[in-house]
Amino acid sequence: MSIRLAGRISAALLLWVCCAAHGLQAVTIETVFIGGSAPGNAVGGGNLIEIFQTASRIWASAYGDEFTLQLHFGWAPVGDAAVHILMEQGDQPNREIMGMILFDNSGATAYYMDPTPDDNEEYGRLSEEYQDLGGGLLNVARVYQEPLGYAQARTDLLSVALHEIGHALGICNGNRSFIAAGREGFISVSGLPFAGTVIPLASNYRGITSHIDPTQVSYGSVMAGLCAGERRLPSALDILVNAQISGFLLLESACFPPVDSGRSPRPGRPDFVSPSSLARGDRIPRVWIR
């Protein structure tokens, strides 16, 4: 099932991604800038250091573990918009301990560099998607659209940073925990809220990838990919997949806001997708969009 909730909202609603739990410590992401210069075609006036630190705070605030991830980051002519490199993993449960994220400065990607990355005023509308993937109706996307000014038709650097940090937190092809959990082409959630949720992974000619399958999940997951002219924030699905892979403690249920009880689903809807249906290649049904 999919539900779209769209409307103009204030940036304060970002707080339900960055929810805090009483008496719990958030994950720490140490950021180390290694240099490089922004591409000449970037616009907006922001800087990579502030944007990356904002993205790190958003992700770190979702988890309650006393754990530190060190991420080195900077500019380099990598070709793709950005690339994540796992440098060290270990501990129990196994997690990435140190990584590197390089952002492309070849000019191939036309970046919007937000000078105020803590708010979303450059985008006029937030759309939220909900879908039942087997463990109950779950927020699967938080997407800002209708860009204004410099943000129009540009790749949002904050969204790219959020995507790459998401890889560092678990959903990474080099991460042993991800390899073990996703070997069948999906991540099954257990021992967490929305237990029974089955998260499909995208694949290509090389095999299973470290991305959520955008053909099976409603549009907008930050770990499914990015498009120009929009901003994607971590959805409950994105937060949940890394919690399952890396054994993170979730910071209370406020990270998973309930669906408006006034929006009743149509009778006779398909309720969930099973691992066996994913194995057969069945498409997850989406019954309605509002």
C-alpha atoms as a PDB file:
ATOM      1  CA  MET A   1       0.000   0.000   0.000  1.00  0.00           C
ATOM      2  CA  SER A   2       1.166   3.515  -0.694  1.00  0.00           C
ATOM      3  CA  ILE A   3      -0.144   6.801   0.594  1.00  0.00           C
ATOM      4  CA  ARG A   4       1.147  10.211  -0.418  1.00  0.00           C
ATOM      5  CA  LEU A   5       0.789  13.017   2.051  1.00  0.00           C
ATOM      6  CA  ALA A   6       1.759  16.289   0.449  1.00  0.00           C
ATOM      7  CA  GLY A   7       1.701  19.826   1.702  1.00  0.00           C
ATOM      8  CA  ARG A   8       3.684  22.880   2.542  1.00  0.00           C
ATOM      9  CA  ILE A   9       5.343  22.467   5.883  1.00  0.00           C
ATOM     10  CA  SER A  10       7.965  24.250   7.949  1.00  0.00           C
ATOM     11  CA  ALA A  11      11.485  22.956   8.318  1.00  0.00           C
ATOM     12  CA  ALA A  12      10.721  22.156  11.929  1.00  0.00           C
ATOM     13  CA  LEU A  13       9.193  18.862  10.823  1.00  0.00           C
ATOM     14  CA  LEU A  14      12.701  17.664  10.071  1.00  0.00           C
ATOM     15  CA  LEU A  15      12.834  17.052  13.813  1.00  0.00           C
ATOM     16  CA  TRP A  16      10.830  13.841  13.492  1.00  0.00           C
ATOM     17  CA  VAL A  17      13.753  12.396  11.591  1.00  0.00           C
ATOM     18  CA  CYS A  18      16.143  13.757  14.231  1.00  0.00           C
ATOM     19  CA  CYS A  19      14.079  12.613  17.193  1.00  0.00           C
ATOM     20  CA  ALA A  20      15.789  12.295  20.551  1.00  0.00           C
ATOM     21  CA  ALA A  21      15.160   9.705  23.210  1.00  0.00           C
ATOM     22  CA  HIS A  22      15.428  10.471  26.897  1.00  0.00           C
ATOM     23  CA  GLY A  23      18.519   8.981  28.519  1.00  0.00           C
ATOM     24  CA  LEU A  24      19.916   7.500  25.285  1.00  0.00           C
ATOM     25  CA  GLN A  25      23.116   8.510  23.517  1.00  0.00           C
ATOM     26  CA  ALA A  26      23.110   9.071  19.789  1.00  0.00           C
ATOM     27  CA  VAL A  27      25.653   7.578  17.429  1.00  0.00           C
ATOM     28  CA  THR A  28      28.626   9.895  16.872  1.00  0.00           C
ATOM     29  CA  ILE A  29      29.824  10.553  13.322  1.00  0.00           C
ATOM     30  CA  GLU A  30      33.260  12.162  13.358  1.00  0.00           C
ATOM     31  CA  THR A  31      33.833  14.143  10.170  1.00  0.00           C
ATOM     32  CA  VAL A  32      37.319  14.826   8.780  1.00  0.00           C
ATOM     33  CA  PHE A  33      37.615  17.134   5.769  1.00  0.00           C
ATOM     34  CA  ILE A  34      40.493  16.053   3.531  1.00  0.00           C
ATOM     35  CA  GLY A  35      40.407  18.953   1.086  1.00  0.00           C
ATOM     36  CA  GLY A  36      39.687  19.650  -2.526  1.00  0.00           C
ATOM     37  CA  SER A  37      37.751  22.417  -4.253  1.00  0.00           C
ATOM     38  CA  ALA A  38      34.105  22.569  -5.260  1.00  0.00           C
ATOM     39  CA  PRO A  39      33.366  22.390  -8.996  1.00  0.00           C
ATOM     40  CA  GLY A  40      33.114  25.702 -10.790  1.00  0.00           C
ATOM     41  CA  ASN A  41      29.536  25.034 -11.903  1.00  0.00           C
ATOM     42  CA  ALA A  42      28.171  24.559  -8.355  1.00  0.00           C
ATOM     43  CA  VAL A  43      25.657  27.194  -7.245  1.00  0.00           C
ATOM     44  CA  GLY A  44      23.970  28.279  -4.024  1.00  0.00           C
ATOM     45  CA  GLY A  45      26.861  29.607  -1.960  1.00  0.00           C
ATOM     46  CA  GLY A  46      26.994  26.799   0.599  1.00  0.00           C
ATOM     47  CA  ASN A  47      30.063  24.785   1.525  1.00  0.00           C
ATOM     48  CA  LEU A  48      30.700  21.059   1.702  1.00  0.00           C
ATOM     49  CA  ILE A  49      31.885  21.031   5.314  1.00  0.00           C
ATOM     50  CA  GLU A  50      28.674  22.509   6.723  1.00  0.00           C
ATOM     51  CA  ILE A  51      26.465  20.440   4.437  1.00  0.00           C
ATOM     52  CA  PHE A  52      28.260  17.200   5.329  1.00  0.00           C
ATOM     53  CA  GLN A  53      28.089  17.941   9.040  1.00  0.00           C
ATOM     54  CA  THR A  54      24.359  18.617   8.761  1.00  0.00           C
ATOM     55  CA  ALA A  55      23.817  15.305   6.957  1.00  0.00           C
ATOM     56  CA  SER A  56      25.862  13.520   9.630  1.00  0.00           C
ATOM     57  CA  ARG A  57      23.747  15.008  12.428  1.00  0.00           C
ATOM     58  CA  ILE A  58      20.517  13.945  10.722  1.00  0.00           C
ATOM     59  CA  TRP A  59      21.630  10.320  10.464  1.00  0.00           C
ATOM     60  CA  ALA A  60      23.331  10.147  13.865  1.00  0.00           C
ATOM     61  CA  SER A  61      20.214  11.418  15.614  1.00  0.00           C
ATOM     62  CA  ALA A  62      18.245   8.362  14.489  1.00  0.00           C
ATOM     63  CA  TYR A  63      20.233   5.825  16.528  1.00  0.00           C
ATOM     64  CA  GLY A  64      20.842   5.425  20.256  1.00  0.00           C
ATOM     65  CA  ASP A  65      24.101   3.493  20.378  1.00  0.00           C
ATOM     66  CA  GLU A  66      27.336   4.601  22.010  1.00  0.00           C
ATOM     67  CA  PHE A  67      29.250   4.102  18.790  1.00  0.00           C
ATOM     68  CA  THR A  68      31.572   6.294  16.729  1.00  0.00           C
ATOM     69  CA  LEU A  69      31.930   6.219  12.952  1.00  0.00           C
ATOM     70  CA  GLN A  70      34.747   8.284  11.463  1.00  0.00           C
ATOM     71  CA  LEU A  71      34.184   9.595   7.955  1.00  0.00           C
ATOM     72  CA  HIS A  72      36.820  11.345   5.874  1.00  0.00           C
ATOM     73  CA  PHE A  73      35.323  13.450   3.094  1.00  0.00           C
ATOM     74  CA  GLY A  74      36.354  15.866   0.391  1.00  0.00           C
ATOM     75  CA  TRP A  75      36.312  16.787  -3.279  1.00  0.00           C
ATOM     76  CA  ALA A  76      37.854  14.686  -6.069  1.00  0.00           C
ATOM     77  CA  PRO A  77      37.198  14.053  -9.782  1.00  0.00           C
ATOM     78  CA  VAL A  78      35.408  10.742  -9.231  1.00  0.00           C
ATOM     79  CA  GLY A  79      32.990  10.961 -12.173  1.00  0.00           C
ATOM     80  CA  ASP A  80      29.864   9.892 -10.304  1.00  0.00           C
ATOM     81  CA  ALA A  81      28.153  12.437  -8.053  1.00  0.00           C
ATOM     82  CA  ALA A  82      29.934  10.871  -5.068  1.00  0.00           C
ATOM     83  CA  VAL A  83      31.496   7.623  -3.953  1.00  0.00           C
ATOM     84  CA  HIS A  84      31.712   5.914  -0.560  1.00  0.00           C
ATOM     85  CA  ILE A  85      34.727   3.788   0.336  1.00  0.00           C
ATOM     86  CA  LEU A  86      34.665   1.454   3.353  1.00  0.00           C
ATOM     87  CA  MET A  87      38.083   1.682   5.014  1.00  0.00           C
ATOM     88  CA  GLU A  88      37.669  -0.326   8.222  1.00  0.00           C
ATOM     89  CA  GLN A  89      34.968  -2.525   9.759  1.00  0.00           C
ATOM     90  CA  GLY A  90      34.678  -4.653  12.865  1.00  0.00           C
ATOM     91  CA  ASP A  91      33.293  -4.609  16.403  1.00  0.00           C
ATOM     92  CA  GLN A  92      30.302  -6.649  17.565  1.00  0.00           C
ATOM     93  CA  PRO A  93      27.933  -6.365  15.829  1.00  0.00           C
ATOM     94  CA  ASN A  94      30.084  -5.757  12.775  1.00  0.00           C
ATOM     95  CA  ARG A  95      29.868  -2.157  11.550  1.00  0.00           C
ATOM     96  CA  GLU A  96      31.846   0.231   9.429  1.00  0.00           C
ATOM     97  CA  ILE A  97      34.254   2.042  11.741  1.00  0.00           C
ATOM     98  CA  MET A  98      36.029   4.260   9.242  1.00  0.00           C
ATOM     99  CA  GLY A  99      35.161   5.306   5.727  1.00  0.00           C
ATOM    100  CA  MET A 100      35.750   7.909   3.049  1.00  0.00           C
ATOM    101  CA  ILE A 101      33.252   9.817   0.913  1.00  0.00           C
ATOM    102  CA  LEU A 102      34.464  11.728  -2.141  1.00  0.00           C
ATOM    103  CA  PHE A 103      32.264  14.224  -3.963  1.00  0.00           C
ATOM    104  CA  ASP A 104      32.817  14.798  -7.657  1.00  0.00           C
ATOM    105  CA  ASN A 105      34.380  18.118  -8.669  1.00  0.00           C
ATOM    106  CA  SER A 106      34.822  17.344 -12.361  1.00  0.00           C
ATOM    107  CA  GLY A 107      31.772  19.428 -13.230  1.00  0.00           C
ATOM    108  CA  ALA A 108      29.820  16.389 -14.468  1.00  0.00           C
ATOM    109  CA  THR A 109      27.243  16.915 -11.696  1.00  0.00           C
ATOM    110  CA  ALA A 110      25.527  20.298 -11.395  1.00  0.00           C
ATOM    111  CA  TYR A 111      25.316  20.724  -7.622  1.00  0.00           C
ATOM    112  CA  TYR A 112      23.083  22.935  -5.538  1.00  0.00           C
ATOM    113  CA  MET A 113      25.075  23.785  -2.391  1.00  0.00           C
ATOM    114  CA  ASP A 114      22.590  24.998   0.192  1.00  0.00           C
ATOM    115  CA  PRO A 115      23.946  27.869   2.362  1.00  0.00           C
ATOM    116  CA  THR A 116      21.368  26.947   5.045  1.00  0.00           C
ATOM    117  CA  PRO A 117      21.270  23.131   4.978  1.00  0.00           C
ATOM    118  CA  ASP A 118      19.449  22.903   8.313  1.00  0.00           C
ATOM    119  CA  ASP A 119      16.233  24.121   6.697  1.00  0.00           C
ATOM    120  CA  ASN A 120      14.423  23.284   3.490  1.00  0.00           C
ATOM    121  CA  GLU A 121      13.059  26.672   2.424  1.00  0.00           C
ATOM    122  CA  GLU A 122      14.389  26.253  -1.123  1.00  0.00           C
ATOM    123  CA  TYR A 123      11.772  23.549  -1.744  1.00  0.00           C
ATOM    124  CA  GLY A 124       8.075  24.293  -1.729  1.00  0.00           C
ATOM    125  CA  ARG A 125       6.477  20.927  -0.992  1.00  0.00           C
ATOM    126  CA  LEU A 126       7.157  17.853   1.127  1.00  0.00           C
ATOM    127  CA  SER A 127       5.691  14.568  -0.108  1.00  0.00           C
ATOM    128  CA  GLU A 128       5.614  11.564   2.199  1.00  0.00           C
ATOM    129  CA  GLU A 129       5.037   8.001   1.060  1.00  0.00           C
ATOM    130  CA  TYR A 130       3.786   5.093   3.171  1.00  0.00           C
ATOM    131  CA  GLN A 131       3.811   1.437   2.195  1.00  0.00           C
ATOM    132  CA  ASP A 132       3.254  -1.901   3.887  1.00  0.00           C
ATOM    133  CA  LEU A 133       6.216  -4.160   3.189  1.00  0.00           C
ATOM    134  CA  GLY A 134       5.038  -6.911   5.506  1.00  0.00           C
ATOM    135  CA  GLY A 135       5.391  -5.368   8.960  1.00  0.00           C
ATOM    136  CA  GLY A 136       2.775  -2.638   8.901  1.00  0.00           C
ATOM    137  CA  LEU A 137       2.317   0.674   7.161  1.00  0.00           C
ATOM    138  CA  LEU A 138       5.747   2.312   7.130  1.00  0.00           C
ATOM    139  CA  ASN A 139       7.047   5.697   6.025  1.00  0.00           C
ATOM    140  CA  VAL A 140       9.207   4.901   2.989  1.00  0.00           C
ATOM    141  CA  ALA A 141       9.965   8.360   1.591  1.00  0.00           C
ATOM    142  CA  ARG A 142      10.329  12.015   2.602  1.00  0.00           C
ATOM    143  CA  VAL A 143      10.918  14.099  -0.511  1.00  0.00           C
ATOM    144  CA  TYR A 144      11.011  17.875  -0.916  1.00  0.00           C
ATOM    145  CA  GLN A 145      10.032  19.010  -4.403  1.00  0.00           C
ATOM    146  CA  GLU A 146       9.047  22.215  -6.230  1.00  0.00           C
ATOM    147  CA  PRO A 147      12.546  23.727  -5.975  1.00  0.00           C
ATOM    148  CA  LEU A 148      13.035  27.471  -5.963  1.00  0.00           C
ATOM    149  CA  GLY A 149      15.875  29.677  -7.203  1.00  0.00           C
ATOM    150  CA  TYR A 150      19.273  28.026  -7.472  1.00  0.00           C
ATOM    151  CA  ALA A 151      17.845  24.663  -6.383  1.00  0.00           C
ATOM    152  CA  GLN A 152      15.939  24.255  -9.651  1.00  0.00           C
ATOM    153  CA  ALA A 153      17.204  21.470 -11.921  1.00  0.00           C
ATOM    154  CA  ARG A 154      20.237  20.966  -9.668  1.00  0.00           C
ATOM    155  CA  THR A 155      21.470  17.952  -7.682  1.00  0.00           C
ATOM    156  CA  ASP A 156      21.106  18.734  -3.990  1.00  0.00           C
ATOM    157  CA  LEU A 157      24.459  18.181  -2.300  1.00  0.00           C
ATOM    158  CA  LEU A 158      22.793  17.574   1.084  1.00  0.00           C
ATOM    159  CA  SER A 159      20.786  14.692  -0.416  1.00  0.00           C
ATOM    160  CA  VAL A 160      23.945  13.213  -1.946  1.00  0.00           C
ATOM    161  CA  ALA A 161      25.729  13.437   1.416  1.00  0.00           C
ATOM    162  CA  LEU A 162      22.775  11.776   3.169  1.00  0.00           C
ATOM    163  CA  HIS A 163      22.808   8.982   0.591  1.00  0.00           C
ATOM    164  CA  GLU A 164      26.534   8.289   0.944  1.00  0.00           C
ATOM    165  CA  ILE A 165      26.502   8.448   4.753  1.00  0.00           C
ATOM    166  CA  GLY A 166      23.632   5.960   4.597  1.00  0.00           C
ATOM    167  CA  HIS A 167      25.990   3.555   2.824  1.00  0.00           C
ATOM    168  CA  ALA A 168      28.581   4.049   5.566  1.00  0.00           C
ATOM    169  CA  LEU A 169      26.012   3.173   8.231  1.00  0.00           C
ATOM    170  CA  GLY A 170      25.350  -0.275   6.822  1.00  0.00           C
ATOM    171  CA  ILE A 171      23.910  -0.655   3.339  1.00  0.00           C
ATOM    172  CA  CYS A 172      27.247  -1.149   1.597  1.00  0.00           C
ATOM    173  CA  ASN A 173      28.432  -3.989  -0.644  1.00  0.00           C
ATOM    174  CA  GLY A 174      31.736  -4.197   1.230  1.00  0.00           C
ATOM    175  CA  ASN A 175      30.107  -4.452   4.642  1.00  0.00           C
ATOM    176  CA  ARG A 176      30.094  -8.037   5.943  1.00  0.00           C
ATOM    177  CA  SER A 177      26.856  -7.458   7.839  1.00  0.00           C
ATOM    178  CA  PHE A 178      25.125  -6.261   4.675  1.00  0.00           C
ATOM    179  CA  ILE A 179      26.479  -9.187   2.664  1.00  0.00           C
ATOM    180  CA  ALA A 180      25.076 -11.651   5.217  1.00  0.00           C
ATOM    181  CA  ALA A 181      21.714  -9.923   5.611  1.00  0.00           C
ATOM    182  CA  GLY A 182      21.081  -9.186   1.926  1.00  0.00           C
ATOM    183  CA  ARG A 183      22.370 -12.297   0.190  1.00  0.00           C
ATOM    184  CA  GLU A 184      18.852 -13.258  -0.971  1.00  0.00           C
ATOM    185  CA  GLY A 185      18.144  -9.845  -2.488  1.00  0.00           C
ATOM    186  CA  PHE A 186      16.210  -8.372   0.426  1.00  0.00           C
ATOM    187  CA  ILE A 187      16.646  -7.382   4.068  1.00  0.00           C
ATOM    188  CA  SER A 188      14.205  -8.965   6.523  1.00  0.00           C
ATOM    189  CA  VAL A 189      13.468  -6.922   9.638  1.00  0.00           C
ATOM    190  CA  SER A 190      13.328  -8.723  12.987  1.00  0.00           C
ATOM    191  CA  GLY A 191      13.723  -7.626  16.583  1.00  0.00           C
ATOM    192  CA  LEU A 192      12.864  -4.032  15.671  1.00  0.00           C
ATOM    193  CA  PRO A 193       9.722  -1.968  15.092  1.00  0.00           C
ATOM    194  CA  PHE A 194       7.941  -3.150  11.936  1.00  0.00           C
ATOM    195  CA  ALA A 195       9.283  -6.688  12.354  1.00  0.00           C
ATOM    196  CA  GLY A 196       8.275  -8.737   9.332  1.00  0.00           C
ATOM    197  CA  THR A 197       9.077  -5.916   6.914  1.00  0.00           C
ATOM    198  CA  VAL A 198      10.889  -7.162   3.818  1.00  0.00           C
ATOM    199  CA  ILE A 199      13.072  -4.513   2.172  1.00  0.00           C
ATOM    200  CA  PRO A 200      13.859  -5.312  -1.481  1.00  0.00           C
ATOM    201  CA  LEU A 201      17.328  -4.532  -2.830  1.00  0.00           C
ATOM    202  CA  ALA A 202      18.035  -3.352  -6.350  1.00  0.00           C
ATOM    203  CA  SER A 203      20.154  -5.487  -8.658  1.00  0.00           C
ATOM    204  CA  ASN A 204      22.042  -5.060 -11.912  1.00  0.00           C
ATOM    205  CA  TYR A 205      24.214  -7.171 -14.211  1.00  0.00           C
ATOM    206  CA  ARG A 206      26.754  -7.556 -11.393  1.00  0.00           C
ATOM    207  CA  GLY A 207      24.188  -8.832  -8.919  1.00  0.00           C
ATOM    208  CA  ILE A 208      22.651  -7.397  -5.749  1.00  0.00           C
ATOM    209  CA  THR A 209      23.436  -3.742  -5.110  1.00  0.00           C
ATOM    210  CA  SER A 210      23.574  -1.670  -1.943  1.00  0.00           C
ATOM    211  CA  HIS A 211      20.418   0.267  -2.797  1.00  0.00           C
ATOM    212  CA  ILE A 212      16.746  -0.131  -2.012  1.00  0.00           C
ATOM    213  CA  ASP A 213      14.881  -1.236  -5.130  1.00  0.00           C
ATOM    214  CA  PRO A 214      13.004   1.801  -6.536  1.00  0.00           C
ATOM    215  CA  THR A 215      10.812  -0.434  -8.678  1.00  0.00           C
ATOM    216  CA  GLN A 216       9.441  -2.204  -5.593  1.00  0.00           C
ATOM    217  CA  VAL A 217       9.164   0.680  -3.139  1.00  0.00           C
ATOM    218  CA  SER A 218       7.263   3.932  -3.540  1.00  0.00           C
ATOM    219  CA  TYR A 219       9.243   6.850  -4.937  1.00  0.00           C
ATOM    220  CA  GLY A 220      11.583   8.794  -2.709  1.00  0.00           C
ATOM    221  CA  SER A 221      13.759   6.611  -0.451  1.00  0.00           C
ATOM    222  CA  VAL A 222      17.124   8.318   0.006  1.00  0.00           C
ATOM    223  CA  MET A 223      18.826   4.917  -0.227  1.00  0.00           C
ATOM    224  CA  ALA A 224      17.112   4.137  -3.522  1.00  0.00           C
ATOM    225  CA  GLY A 225      18.750   6.979  -5.444  1.00  0.00           C
ATOM    226  CA  LEU A 226      18.445  10.680  -6.194  1.00  0.00           C
ATOM    227  CA  CYS A 227      17.100  13.007  -8.866  1.00  0.00           C
ATOM    228  CA  ALA A 228      17.836  16.636  -9.678  1.00  0.00           C
ATOM    229  CA  GLY A 229      15.432  19.268  -8.423  1.00  0.00           C
ATOM    230  CA  GLU A 230      14.516  17.532  -5.179  1.00  0.00           C
ATOM    231  CA  ARG A 231      15.736  16.914  -1.636  1.00  0.00           C
ATOM    232  CA  ARG A 232      15.438  13.509  -0.011  1.00  0.00           C
ATOM    233  CA  LEU A 233      15.654  13.034   3.747  1.00  0.00           C
ATOM    234  CA  PRO A 234      16.025   9.652   5.476  1.00  0.00           C
ATOM    235  CA  SER A 235      12.653   7.958   5.735  1.00  0.00           C
ATOM    236  CA  ALA A 236      11.704   5.465   8.416  1.00  0.00           C
ATOM    237  CA  LEU A 237      12.545   2.762   5.859  1.00  0.00           C
ATOM    238  CA  ASP A 238      16.048   4.135   5.312  1.00  0.00           C
ATOM    239  CA  ILE A 239      16.616   4.389   9.061  1.00  0.00           C
ATOM    240  CA  LEU A 240      15.220   0.892   9.608  1.00  0.00           C
ATOM    241  CA  VAL A 241      17.336  -0.865   6.969  1.00  0.00           C
ATOM    242  CA  ASN A 242      20.590   0.346   8.507  1.00  0.00           C
ATOM    243  CA  ALA A 243      19.365  -0.450  12.022  1.00  0.00           C
ATOM    244  CA  GLN A 244      18.738  -4.037  10.902  1.00  0.00           C
ATOM    245  CA  ILE A 245      22.054  -4.410   9.086  1.00  0.00           C
ATOM    246  CA  SER A 246      24.257  -2.803  11.711  1.00  0.00           C
ATOM    247  CA  GLY A 247      22.340  -3.672  14.877  1.00  0.00           C
ATOM    248  CA  PHE A 248      21.634  -0.059  15.801  1.00  0.00           C
ATOM    249  CA  LEU A 249      19.255   0.849  18.597  1.00  0.00           C
ATOM    250  CA  LEU A 250      16.457   3.056  17.284  1.00  0.00           C
ATOM    251  CA  LEU A 251      15.697   6.266  19.149  1.00  0.00           C
ATOM    252  CA  GLU A 252      12.069   5.779  20.193  1.00  0.00           C
ATOM    253  CA  SER A 253       9.011   5.417  17.999  1.00  0.00           C
ATOM    254  CA  ALA A 254       8.784   9.142  17.221  1.00  0.00           C
ATOM    255  CA  CYS A 255      11.081   8.360  14.292  1.00  0.00           C
ATOM    256  CA  PHE A 256       8.166   6.446  12.808  1.00  0.00           C
ATOM    257  CA  PRO A 257       5.192   8.837  12.790  1.00  0.00           C
ATOM    258  CA  PRO A 258       1.765   7.212  12.539  1.00  0.00           C
ATOM    259  CA  VAL A 259      -0.367   7.497   9.461  1.00  0.00           C
ATOM    260  CA  ASP A 260      -3.281   9.932   9.681  1.00  0.00           C
ATOM    261  CA  SER A 261      -6.124   7.757  10.938  1.00  0.00           C
ATOM    262  CA  GLY A 262      -8.543   9.693   8.740  1.00  0.00           C
ATOM    263  CA  ARG A 263      -6.950   8.276   5.594  1.00  0.00           C
ATOM    264  CA  SER A 264      -8.500   4.835   5.422  1.00  0.00           C
ATOM    265  CA  PRO A 265      -7.200   2.414   2.812  1.00  0.00           C
ATOM    266  CA  ARG A 266      -9.522   1.024   0.222  1.00  0.00           C
ATOM    267  CA  PRO A 267     -11.101  -2.347   0.999  1.00  0.00           C
ATOM    268  CA  GLY A 268      -9.489  -5.407  -0.499  1.00  0.00           C
ATOM    269  CA  ARG A 269      -5.980  -3.952  -0.709  1.00  0.00           C
ATOM    270  CA  PRO A 270      -2.953  -6.277  -0.748  1.00  0.00           C
ATOM    271  CA  ASP A 271      -1.468  -5.959   2.724  1.00  0.00           C
ATOM    272  CA  PHE A 272       2.135  -7.080   2.405  1.00  0.00           C
ATOM    273  CA  VAL A 273       4.876  -8.609   0.300  1.00  0.00           C
ATOM    274  CA  SER A 274       6.459 -11.878   1.391  1.00  0.00           C
ATOM    275  CA  PRO A 275      10.054 -13.051   0.912  1.00  0.00           C
ATOM    276  CA  SER A 276       8.772 -15.792  -1.399  1.00  0.00           C
ATOM    277  CA  SER A 277       7.066 -13.254  -3.647  1.00  0.00           C
ATOM    278  CA  LEU A 278      10.297 -11.269  -3.866  1.00  0.00           C
ATOM    279  CA  ALA A 279      12.156 -14.437  -4.763  1.00  0.00           C
ATOM    280  CA  ARG A 280       9.666 -14.946  -7.614  1.00  0.00           C
ATOM    281  CA  GLY A 281      10.250 -11.385  -8.773  1.00  0.00           C
ATOM    282  CA  ASP A 282       6.698 -10.243  -8.014  1.00  0.00           C
ATOM    283  CA  ARG A 283       6.177  -6.501  -7.861  1.00  0.00           C
ATOM    284  CA  ILE A 284       5.068  -5.061  -4.521  1.00  0.00           C
ATOM    285  CA  PRO A 285       1.508  -3.820  -5.067  1.00  0.00           C
ATOM    286  CA  ARG A 286       0.702  -0.143  -4.637  1.00  0.00           C
ATOM    287  CA  VAL A 287      -3.001   0.363  -4.429  1.00  0.00           C
ATOM    288  CA  TRP A 288      -3.491   4.076  -4.078  1.00  0.00           C
ATOM    289  CA  ILE A 289      -1.741   7.403  -3.979  1.00  0.00           C
ATOM    290  CA  ARG A 290      -3.168  10.431  -2.294  1.00  0.00           C
END
